[in-house]
Amino acid sequence: TIFQNGPLEGMDRSGTLWKLANHLYTDGLTCEEARELLYDADGRW
């Protein structure tokens, strides 16, 4: 949901990227997989 919808109204992008990074970590993605998704999300947002 975070990846698809981006930051909620009133929330900043960096905090949302940090939240996404934490979810990716706890979901067991590798650092390389997370890097790809974070850069993609950043470009979208």
All heavy atoms as atom14 arrays in JSON, in Angstrom:
{
  "sequence": "TIFQNGPLEGMDRSGTLWKLANHLYTDGLTCEEARELLYDADGRW",
  "atom14_mask": [
    [1, 1, 1, 1, 1, 1, 1, 0, 0, 0, 0, 0, 0, 0],
    [1, 1, 1, 1, 1, 1, 1, 1, 0, 0, 0, 0, 0, 0],
    [1, 1, 1, 1, 1, 1, 1, 1, 1, 1, 1, 0, 0, 0],
    [1, 1, 1, 1, 1, 1, 1, 1, 1, 0, 0, 0, 0, 0],
    [1, 1, 1, 1, 1, 1, 1, 1, 0, 0, 0, 0, 0, 0],
    [1, 1, 1, 1, 0, 0, 0, 0, 0, 0, 0, 0, 0, 0],
    [1, 1, 1, 1, 1, 1, 1, 0, 0, 0, 0, 0, 0, 0],
    [1, 1, 1, 1, 1, 1, 1, 1, 0, 0, 0, 0, 0, 0],
    [1, 1, 1, 1, 1, 1, 1, 1, 1, 0, 0, 0, 0, 0],
    [1, 1, 1, 1, 0, 0, 0, 0, 0, 0, 0, 0, 0, 0],
    [1, 1, 1, 1, 1, 1, 1, 1, 0, 0, 0, 0, 0, 0],
    [1, 1, 1, 1, 1, 1, 1, 1, 0, 0, 0, 0, 0, 0],
    [1, 1, 1, 1, 1, 1, 1, 1, 1, 1, 1, 0, 0, 0],
    [1, 1, 1, 1, 1, 1, 0, 0, 0, 0, 0, 0, 0, 0],
    [1, 1, 1, 1, 0, 0, 0, 0, 0, 0, 0, 0, 0, 0],
    [1, 1, 1, 1, 1, 1, 1, 0, 0, 0, 0, 0, 0, 0],
    [1, 1, 1, 1, 1, 1, 1, 1, 0, 0, 0, 0, 0, 0],
    [1, 1, 1, 1, 1, 1, 1, 1, 1, 1, 1, 1, 1, 1],
    [1, 1, 1, 1, 1, 1, 1, 1, 1, 0, 0, 0, 0, 0],
    [1, 1, 1, 1, 1, 1, 1, 1, 0, 0, 0, 0, 0, 0],
    [1, 1, 1, 1, 1, 0, 0, 0, 0, 0, 0, 0, 0, 0],
    [1, 1, 1, 1, 1, 1, 1, 1, 0, 0, 0, 0, 0, 0],
    [1, 1, 1, 1, 1, 1, 1, 1, 1, 1, 0, 0, 0, 0],
    [1, 1, 1, 1, 1, 1, 1, 1, 0, 0, 0, 0, 0, 0],
    [1, 1, 1, 1, 1, 1, 1, 1, 1, 1, 1, 1, 0, 0],
    [1, 1, 1, 1, 1, 1, 1, 0, 0, 0, 0, 0, 0, 0],
    [1, 1, 1, 1, 1, 1, 1, 1, 0, 0, 0, 0, 0, 0],
    [1, 1, 1, 1, 0, 0, 0, 0, 0, 0, 0, 0, 0, 0],
    [1, 1, 1, 1, 1, 1, 1, 1, 0, 0, 0, 0, 0, 0],
    [1, 1, 1, 1, 1, 1, 1, 0, 0, 0, 0, 0, 0, 0],
    [1, 1, 1, 1, 1, 1, 0, 0, 0, 0, 0, 0, 0, 0],
    [1, 1, 1, 1, 1, 1, 1, 1, 1, 0, 0, 0, 0, 0],
    [1, 1, 1, 1, 1, 1, 1, 1, 1, 0, 0, 0, 0, 0],
    [1, 1, 1, 1, 1, 0, 0, 0, 0, 0, 0, 0, 0, 0],
    [1, 1, 1, 1, 1, 1, 1, 1, 1, 1, 1, 0, 0, 0],
    [1, 1, 1, 1, 1, 1, 1, 1, 1, 0, 0, 0, 0, 0],
    [1, 1, 1, 1, 1, 1, 1, 1, 0, 0, 0, 0, 0, 0],
    [1, 1, 1, 1, 1, 1, 1, 1, 0, 0, 0, 0, 0, 0],
    [1, 1, 1, 1, 1, 1, 1, 1, 1, 1, 1, 1, 0, 0],
    [1, 1, 1, 1, 1, 1, 1, 1, 0, 0, 0, 0, 0, 0],
    [1, 1, 1, 1, 1, 0, 0, 0, 0, 0, 0, 0, 0, 0],
    [1, 1, 1, 1, 1, 1, 1, 1, 0, 0, 0, 0, 0, 0],
    [1, 1, 1, 1, 0, 0, 0, 0, 0, 0, 0, 0, 0, 0],
    [1, 1, 1, 1, 1, 1, 1, 1, 1, 1, 1, 0, 0, 0],
    [1, 1, 1, 1, 1, 1, 1, 1, 1, 1, 1, 1, 1, 1]
  ],
  "atom14_positions": [
    [[0.83, -1.2, 0.0], [0.0, 0.0, 0.0], [0.87, 1.26, 0.0], [0.6, 2.19, -0.74], [-0.94, 0.0, 1.22], [-1.78, -1.15, 1.13], [-1.8, 1.24, 1.25], [0.0, 0.0, 0.0], [0.0, 0.0, 0.0], [0.0, 0.0, 0.0], [0.0, 0.0, 0.0], [0.0, 0.0, 0.0], [0.0, 0.0, 0.0], [0.0, 0.0, 0.0]],
    [[1.88, 1.28, 0.84], [2.76, 2.46, 0.9], [3.41, 2.68, -0.46], [3.44, 3.8, -0.98], [3.86, 2.3, 1.98], [3.25, 2.27, 3.36], [4.88, 3.44, 1.88], [4.24, 1.91, 4.46], [0.0, 0.0, 0.0], [0.0, 0.0, 0.0], [0.0, 0.0, 0.0], [0.0, 0.0, 0.0], [0.0, 0.0, 0.0], [0.0, 0.0, 0.0]],
    [[3.94, 1.6, -1.06], [4.63, 1.72, -2.34], [3.69, 2.25, -3.42], [4.05, 3.14, -4.18], [5.2, 0.37, -2.76], [5.96, 0.42, -4.05], [7.24, 0.93, -4.08], [5.39, -0.05, -5.22], [7.94, 0.99, -5.28], [6.08, -0.01, -6.41], [7.37, 0.51, -6.44], [0.0, 0.0, 0.0], [0.0, 0.0, 0.0], [0.0, 0.0, 0.0]],
    [[2.48, 1.73, -3.46], [1.52, 2.12, -4.49], [0.96, 3.52, -4.28], [0.79, 4.27, -5.24], [0.35, 1.13, -4.54], [0.74, -0.23, -5.03], [1.24, -0.22, -6.47], [0.76, 0.52, -7.31], [2.21, -1.06, -6.74], [0.0, 0.0, 0.0], [0.0, 0.0, 0.0], [0.0, 0.0, 0.0], [0.0, 0.0, 0.0], [0.0, 0.0, 0.0]],
    [[0.67, 3.88, -3.05], [-0.04, 5.13, -2.77], [0.85, 6.29, -2.35], [0.41, 7.43, -2.34], [-1.1, 4.9, -1.7], [-2.14, 3.91, -2.15], [-2.45, 3.8, -3.33], [-2.68, 3.15, -1.22], [0.0, 0.0, 0.0], [0.0, 0.0, 0.0], [0.0, 0.0, 0.0], [0.0, 0.0, 0.0], [0.0, 0.0, 0.0], [0.0, 0.0, 0.0]],
    [[2.06, 6.0, -1.93], [2.96, 7.05, -1.5], [2.58, 7.63, -0.16], [1.76, 7.07, 0.56], [0.0, 0.0, 0.0], [0.0, 0.0, 0.0], [0.0, 0.0, 0.0], [0.0, 0.0, 0.0], [0.0, 0.0, 0.0], [0.0, 0.0, 0.0], [0.0, 0.0, 0.0], [0.0, 0.0, 0.0], [0.0, 0.0, 0.0], [0.0, 0.0, 0.0]],
    [[3.18, 8.76, 0.18], [2.92, 9.38, 1.48], [1.45, 9.77, 1.64], [0.82, 10.22, 0.69], [3.8, 10.62, 1.47], [4.83, 10.36, 0.43], [4.18, 9.49, -0.59], [0.0, 0.0, 0.0], [0.0, 0.0, 0.0], [0.0, 0.0, 0.0], [0.0, 0.0, 0.0], [0.0, 0.0, 0.0], [0.0, 0.0, 0.0], [0.0, 0.0, 0.0]],
    [[0.95, 9.57, 2.83], [-0.4, 10.03, 3.13], [-0.42, 11.55, 3.16], [0.61, 12.19, 3.4], [-0.85, 9.49, 4.49], [-0.97, 7.97, 4.61], [-1.27, 7.58, 6.05], [-2.04, 7.45, 3.67], [0.0, 0.0, 0.0], [0.0, 0.0, 0.0], [0.0, 0.0, 0.0], [0.0, 0.0, 0.0], [0.0, 0.0, 0.0], [0.0, 0.0, 0.0]],
    [[-1.57, 12.11, 2.95], [-1.7, 13.56, 2.98], [-1.19, 14.09, 4.33], [-1.53, 13.56, 5.39], [-3.17, 13.96, 2.79], [-3.34, 15.45, 2.61], [-4.75, 15.82, 2.23], [-5.42, 15.02, 1.54], [-5.17, 16.92, 2.62], [0.0, 0.0, 0.0], [0.0, 0.0, 0.0], [0.0, 0.0, 0.0], [0.0, 0.0, 0.0], [0.0, 0.0, 0.0]],
    [[-0.35, 15.08, 4.26], [0.21, 15.68, 5.47], [1.47, 15.01, 5.97], [2.08, 15.47, 6.92], [0.0, 0.0, 0.0], [0.0, 0.0, 0.0], [0.0, 0.0, 0.0], [0.0, 0.0, 0.0], [0.0, 0.0, 0.0], [0.0, 0.0, 0.0], [0.0, 0.0, 0.0], [0.0, 0.0, 0.0], [0.0, 0.0, 0.0], [0.0, 0.0, 0.0]],
    [[1.88, 13.89, 5.34], [3.1, 13.18, 5.75], [4.22, 13.51, 4.77], [3.97, 13.74, 3.59], [2.87, 11.67, 5.76], [1.76, 11.23, 6.7], [2.08, 11.61, 8.43], [3.42, 10.49, 8.75], [0.0, 0.0, 0.0], [0.0, 0.0, 0.0], [0.0, 0.0, 0.0], [0.0, 0.0, 0.0], [0.0, 0.0, 0.0], [0.0, 0.0, 0.0]],
    [[5.44, 13.53, 5.26], [6.56, 13.84, 4.37], [7.09, 12.59, 3.69], [6.88, 11.47, 4.14], [7.66, 14.59, 5.1], [8.41, 13.73, 6.11], [7.9, 12.66, 6.49], [9.5, 14.15, 6.52], [0.0, 0.0, 0.0], [0.0, 0.0, 0.0], [0.0, 0.0, 0.0], [0.0, 0.0, 0.0], [0.0, 0.0, 0.0], [0.0, 0.0, 0.0]],
    [[7.77, 12.8, 2.58], [8.28, 11.71, 1.78], [9.39, 10.94, 2.49], [9.42, 9.72, 2.46], [8.76, 12.24, 0.44], [9.16, 11.17, -0.53], [9.42, 11.72, -1.93], [10.46, 12.71, -1.95], [10.28, 13.98, -2.31], [9.1, 14.4, -2.69], [11.27, 14.83, -2.31], [0.0, 0.0, 0.0], [0.0, 0.0, 0.0], [0.0, 0.0, 0.0]],
    [[10.3, 11.63, 3.15], [11.41, 10.92, 3.79], [10.92, 9.99, 4.9], [11.4, 8.87, 5.03], [12.45, 11.9, 4.32], [11.9, 12.73, 5.32], [0.0, 0.0, 0.0], [0.0, 0.0, 0.0], [0.0, 0.0, 0.0], [0.0, 0.0, 0.0], [0.0, 0.0, 0.0], [0.0, 0.0, 0.0], [0.0, 0.0, 0.0], [0.0, 0.0, 0.0]],
    [[9.96, 10.42, 5.68], [9.4, 9.57, 6.72], [8.69, 8.36, 6.14], [8.75, 7.26, 6.69], [0.0, 0.0, 0.0], [0.0, 0.0, 0.0], [0.0, 0.0, 0.0], [0.0, 0.0, 0.0], [0.0, 0.0, 0.0], [0.0, 0.0, 0.0], [0.0, 0.0, 0.0], [0.0, 0.0, 0.0], [0.0, 0.0, 0.0], [0.0, 0.0, 0.0]],
    [[8.03, 8.56, 5.02], [7.32, 7.46, 4.37], [8.32, 6.48, 3.76], [8.12, 5.26, 3.83], [6.35, 8.0, 3.31], [5.44, 8.91, 3.95], [5.55, 6.88, 2.67], [0.0, 0.0, 0.0], [0.0, 0.0, 0.0], [0.0, 0.0, 0.0], [0.0, 0.0, 0.0], [0.0, 0.0, 0.0], [0.0, 0.0, 0.0], [0.0, 0.0, 0.0]],
    [[9.41, 6.99, 3.18], [10.45, 6.11, 2.66], [11.06, 5.29, 3.79], [11.35, 4.11, 3.63], [11.52, 6.91, 1.93], [11.12, 7.43, 0.55], [12.12, 8.48, 0.08], [11.01, 6.31, -0.46], [0.0, 0.0, 0.0], [0.0, 0.0, 0.0], [0.0, 0.0, 0.0], [0.0, 0.0, 0.0], [0.0, 0.0, 0.0], [0.0, 0.0, 0.0]],
    [[11.27, 5.91, 4.94], [11.82, 5.2, 6.09], [10.85, 4.1, 6.54], [11.26, 2.98, 6.83], [12.12, 6.17, 7.22], [12.57, 5.5, 8.47], [11.92, 5.47, 9.65], [13.77, 4.74, 8.67], [12.63, 4.73, 10.57], [13.77, 4.26, 10.0], [14.83, 4.4, 7.84], [14.79, 3.49, 10.52], [15.85, 3.61, 8.36], [15.83, 3.17, 9.69]],
    [[9.58, 4.4, 6.58], [8.57, 3.41, 6.97], [8.57, 2.25, 5.97], [8.52, 1.08, 6.37], [7.2, 4.08, 7.03], [6.11, 3.2, 7.59], [4.83, 4.0, 7.78], [3.78, 3.16, 8.45], [2.56, 3.92, 8.71], [0.0, 0.0, 0.0], [0.0, 0.0, 0.0], [0.0, 0.0, 0.0], [0.0, 0.0, 0.0], [0.0, 0.0, 0.0]],
    [[8.64, 2.56, 4.68], [8.69, 1.53, 3.65], [9.95, 0.68, 3.82], [9.88, -0.56, 3.76], [8.65, 2.16, 2.26], [8.78, 1.2, 1.08], [7.68, 0.16, 1.09], [8.78, 1.99, -0.24], [0.0, 0.0, 0.0], [0.0, 0.0, 0.0], [0.0, 0.0, 0.0], [0.0, 0.0, 0.0], [0.0, 0.0, 0.0], [0.0, 0.0, 0.0]],
    [[11.08, 1.31, 4.06], [12.34, 0.58, 4.26], [12.2, -0.4, 5.42], [12.66, -1.56, 5.33], [13.49, 1.55, 4.49], [0.0, 0.0, 0.0], [0.0, 0.0, 0.0], [0.0, 0.0, 0.0], [0.0, 0.0, 0.0], [0.0, 0.0, 0.0], [0.0, 0.0, 0.0], [0.0, 0.0, 0.0], [0.0, 0.0, 0.0], [0.0, 0.0, 0.0]],
    [[11.6, 0.02, 6.5], [11.41, -0.86, 7.65], [10.52, -2.05, 7.31], [10.8, -3.18, 7.73], [10.8, -0.08, 8.82], [11.85, 0.63, 9.62], [12.45, 0.05, 10.5], [12.08, 1.9, 9.31], [0.0, 0.0, 0.0], [0.0, 0.0, 0.0], [0.0, 0.0, 0.0], [0.0, 0.0, 0.0], [0.0, 0.0, 0.0], [0.0, 0.0, 0.0]],
    [[9.47, -1.82, 6.55], [8.6, -2.92, 6.13], [9.37, -3.9, 5.24], [9.22, -5.12, 5.39], [7.37, -2.4, 5.39], [6.31, -1.85, 6.27], [5.59, -2.61, 7.16], [5.84, -0.58, 6.39], [4.72, -1.85, 7.8], [4.86, -0.62, 7.36], [0.0, 0.0, 0.0], [0.0, 0.0, 0.0], [0.0, 0.0, 0.0], [0.0, 0.0, 0.0]],
    [[10.17, -3.38, 4.33], [10.94, -4.25, 3.45], [11.93, -5.1, 4.24], [12.11, -6.28, 3.96], [11.68, -3.4, 2.4], [10.77, -2.6, 1.45], [11.62, -1.68, 0.58], [9.89, -3.51, 0.61], [0.0, 0.0, 0.0], [0.0, 0.0, 0.0], [0.0, 0.0, 0.0], [0.0, 0.0, 0.0], [0.0, 0.0, 0.0], [0.0, 0.0, 0.0]],
    [[12.53, -4.49, 5.25], [13.47, -5.21, 6.11], [12.77, -6.32, 6.89], [13.22, -7.46, 6.89], [14.17, -4.23, 7.06], [15.12, -4.9, 7.99], [16.39, -5.28, 7.55], [14.77, -5.17, 9.3], [17.28, -5.92, 8.41], [15.65, -5.81, 10.17], [16.9, -6.17, 9.71], [17.77, -6.81, 10.56], [0.0, 0.0, 0.0], [0.0, 0.0, 0.0]],
    [[11.68, -5.98, 7.53], [10.98, -6.98, 8.35], [10.33, -8.06, 7.49], [10.11, -9.18, 7.97], [9.92, -6.35, 9.28], [8.98, -5.62, 8.52], [10.57, -5.44, 10.3], [0.0, 0.0, 0.0], [0.0, 0.0, 0.0], [0.0, 0.0, 0.0], [0.0, 0.0, 0.0], [0.0, 0.0, 0.0], [0.0, 0.0, 0.0], [0.0, 0.0, 0.0]],
    [[10.05, -7.74, 6.22], [9.49, -8.75, 5.32], [10.57, -9.67, 4.75], [10.25, -10.59, 4.0], [8.73, -8.08, 4.17], [7.39, -7.51, 4.61], [6.94, -7.82, 5.73], [6.8, -6.74, 3.82], [0.0, 0.0, 0.0], [0.0, 0.0, 0.0], [0.0, 0.0, 0.0], [0.0, 0.0, 0.0], [0.0, 0.0, 0.0], [0.0, 0.0, 0.0]],
    [[11.84, -9.4, 5.08], [12.91, -10.31, 4.68], [13.53, -10.06, 3.32], [14.25, -10.92, 2.82], [0.0, 0.0, 0.0], [0.0, 0.0, 0.0], [0.0, 0.0, 0.0], [0.0, 0.0, 0.0], [0.0, 0.0, 0.0], [0.0, 0.0, 0.0], [0.0, 0.0, 0.0], [0.0, 0.0, 0.0], [0.0, 0.0, 0.0], [0.0, 0.0, 0.0]],
    [[13.3, -8.9, 2.73], [13.94, -8.6, 1.45], [15.43, -8.38, 1.67], [15.85, -7.97, 2.75], [13.32, -7.36, 0.81], [12.05, -7.62, -0.01], [10.89, -7.9, 0.91], [11.77, -6.46, -0.91], [0.0, 0.0, 0.0], [0.0, 0.0, 0.0], [0.0, 0.0, 0.0], [0.0, 0.0, 0.0], [0.0, 0.0, 0.0], [0.0, 0.0, 0.0]],
    [[16.21, -8.64, 0.62], [17.63, -8.34, 0.7], [17.82, -6.83, 0.58], [16.91, -6.11, 0.12], [18.41, -9.02, -0.43], [18.02, -8.44, -1.68], [18.2, -10.53, -0.45], [0.0, 0.0, 0.0], [0.0, 0.0, 0.0], [0.0, 0.0, 0.0], [0.0, 0.0, 0.0], [0.0, 0.0, 0.0], [0.0, 0.0, 0.0], [0.0, 0.0, 0.0]],
    [[18.99, -6.38, 0.95], [19.29, -4.95, 0.82], [19.18, -4.51, -0.64], [18.67, -3.43, -0.93], [20.68, -4.67, 1.38], [21.11, -2.92, 1.44], [0.0, 0.0, 0.0], [0.0, 0.0, 0.0], [0.0, 0.0, 0.0], [0.0, 0.0, 0.0], [0.0, 0.0, 0.0], [0.0, 0.0, 0.0], [0.0, 0.0, 0.0], [0.0, 0.0, 0.0]],
    [[19.62, -5.34, -1.55], [19.57, -5.0, -2.98], [18.13, -4.89, -3.48], [17.8, -3.98, -4.25], [20.34, -6.04, -3.8], [21.84, -6.02, -3.57], [22.27, -6.65, -2.23], [21.53, -7.51, -1.68], [23.32, -6.26, -1.72], [0.0, 0.0, 0.0], [0.0, 0.0, 0.0], [0.0, 0.0, 0.0], [0.0, 0.0, 0.0], [0.0, 0.0, 0.0]],
    [[17.28, -5.8, -3.03], [15.86, -5.74, -3.42], [15.22, -4.47, -2.85], [14.47, -3.78, -3.55], [15.12, -6.97, -2.91], [15.53, -8.25, -3.59], [15.02, -9.49, -2.88], [14.87, -9.49, -1.65], [14.77, -10.5, -3.59], [0.0, 0.0, 0.0], [0.0, 0.0, 0.0], [0.0, 0.0, 0.0], [0.0, 0.0, 0.0], [0.0, 0.0, 0.0]],
    [[15.52, -4.18, -1.61], [14.96, -2.99, -0.97], [15.46, -1.72, -1.66], [14.7, -0.78, -1.86], [15.32, -2.96, 0.5], [0.0, 0.0, 0.0], [0.0, 0.0, 0.0], [0.0, 0.0, 0.0], [0.0, 0.0, 0.0], [0.0, 0.0, 0.0], [0.0, 0.0, 0.0], [0.0, 0.0, 0.0], [0.0, 0.0, 0.0], [0.0, 0.0, 0.0]],
    [[16.73, -1.69, -2.02], [17.31, -0.53, -2.7], [16.53, -0.23, -3.97], [16.16, 0.91, -4.23], [18.78, -0.78, -3.01], [19.44, 0.37, -3.75], [20.92, 0.11, -4.01], [21.67, 0.24, -2.76], [22.26, -0.77, -2.13], [22.24, -2.0, -2.64], [22.9, -0.56, -1.0], [0.0, 0.0, 0.0], [0.0, 0.0, 0.0], [0.0, 0.0, 0.0]],
    [[16.29, -1.25, -4.75], [15.56, -1.08, -6.01], [14.17, -0.5, -5.77], [13.74, 0.44, -6.45], [15.46, -2.42, -6.74], [14.84, -2.32, -8.1], [14.84, -3.65, -8.83], [15.81, -4.42, -8.68], [13.87, -3.9, -9.56], [0.0, 0.0, 0.0], [0.0, 0.0, 0.0], [0.0, 0.0, 0.0], [0.0, 0.0, 0.0], [0.0, 0.0, 0.0]],
    [[13.47, -1.04, -4.79], [12.12, -0.56, -4.49], [12.12, 0.86, -3.92], [11.26, 1.67, -4.27], [11.42, -1.52, -3.54], [11.05, -2.87, -4.15], [10.6, -3.84, -3.08], [9.99, -2.7, -5.22], [0.0, 0.0, 0.0], [0.0, 0.0, 0.0], [0.0, 0.0, 0.0], [0.0, 0.0, 0.0], [0.0, 0.0, 0.0], [0.0, 0.0, 0.0]],
    [[13.07, 1.17, -3.05], [13.12, 2.52, -2.47], [13.42, 3.57, -3.54], [12.81, 4.64, -3.56], [14.17, 2.61, -1.36], [13.79, 1.96, -0.04], [14.95, 2.07, 0.94], [12.54, 2.6, 0.55], [0.0, 0.0, 0.0], [0.0, 0.0, 0.0], [0.0, 0.0, 0.0], [0.0, 0.0, 0.0], [0.0, 0.0, 0.0], [0.0, 0.0, 0.0]],
    [[14.36, 3.28, -4.42], [14.68, 4.23, -5.48], [13.48, 4.4, -6.42], [13.2, 5.51, -6.88], [15.92, 3.8, -6.25], [17.21, 4.23, -5.6], [17.76, 3.53, -4.54], [17.89, 5.36, -6.05], [18.94, 3.92, -3.93], [19.08, 5.77, -5.46], [19.59, 5.04, -4.4], [20.77, 5.44, -3.82], [0.0, 0.0, 0.0], [0.0, 0.0, 0.0]],
    [[12.79, 3.3, -6.7], [11.6, 3.37, -7.54], [10.52, 4.21, -6.87], [9.92, 5.11, -7.48], [11.08, 1.97, -7.84], [9.96, 1.94, -8.86], [9.68, 2.98, -9.5], [9.34, 0.88, -9.02], [0.0, 0.0, 0.0], [0.0, 0.0, 0.0], [0.0, 0.0, 0.0], [0.0, 0.0, 0.0], [0.0, 0.0, 0.0], [0.0, 0.0, 0.0]],
    [[10.28, 3.95, -5.59], [9.27, 4.72, -4.85], [9.64, 6.19, -4.82], [8.79, 7.06, -5.02], [9.13, 4.18, -3.43], [0.0, 0.0, 0.0], [0.0, 0.0, 0.0], [0.0, 0.0, 0.0], [0.0, 0.0, 0.0], [0.0, 0.0, 0.0], [0.0, 0.0, 0.0], [0.0, 0.0, 0.0], [0.0, 0.0, 0.0], [0.0, 0.0, 0.0]],
    [[10.9, 6.49, -4.58], [11.35, 7.87, -4.54], [11.09, 8.58, -5.87], [10.62, 9.71, -5.9], [12.84, 7.92, -4.2], [13.35, 9.32, -4.07], [12.68, 10.14, -3.41], [14.41, 9.61, -4.63], [0.0, 0.0, 0.0], [0.0, 0.0, 0.0], [0.0, 0.0, 0.0], [0.0, 0.0, 0.0], [0.0, 0.0, 0.0], [0.0, 0.0, 0.0]],
    [[11.35, 7.89, -6.96], [11.09, 8.47, -8.28], [9.61, 8.71, -8.52], [9.21, 9.73, -9.09], [0.0, 0.0, 0.0], [0.0, 0.0, 0.0], [0.0, 0.0, 0.0], [0.0, 0.0, 0.0], [0.0, 0.0, 0.0], [0.0, 0.0, 0.0], [0.0, 0.0, 0.0], [0.0, 0.0, 0.0], [0.0, 0.0, 0.0], [0.0, 0.0, 0.0]],
    [[8.77, 7.81, -8.04], [7.32, 7.96, -8.19], [6.77, 9.13, -7.38], [5.8, 9.74, -7.74], [6.6, 6.7, -7.67], [6.79, 5.49, -8.49], [6.29, 4.3, -7.66], [6.2, 3.12, -8.45], [5.05, 2.52, -8.77], [3.93, 2.98, -8.31], [5.06, 1.46, -9.51], [0.0, 0.0, 0.0], [0.0, 0.0, 0.0], [0.0, 0.0, 0.0]],
    [[7.38, 9.37, -6.2], [6.83, 10.32, -5.25], [7.42, 11.71, -5.33], [7.17, 12.54, -4.47], [7.02, 9.82, -3.83], [6.43, 8.48, -3.54], [5.52, 7.8, -4.29], [6.73, 7.66, -2.43], [5.23, 6.6, -3.7], [5.96, 6.49, -2.55], [7.57, 7.8, -1.33], [6.0, 5.47, -1.62], [7.61, 6.77, -0.41], [6.83, 5.63, -0.56]]
  ]
}
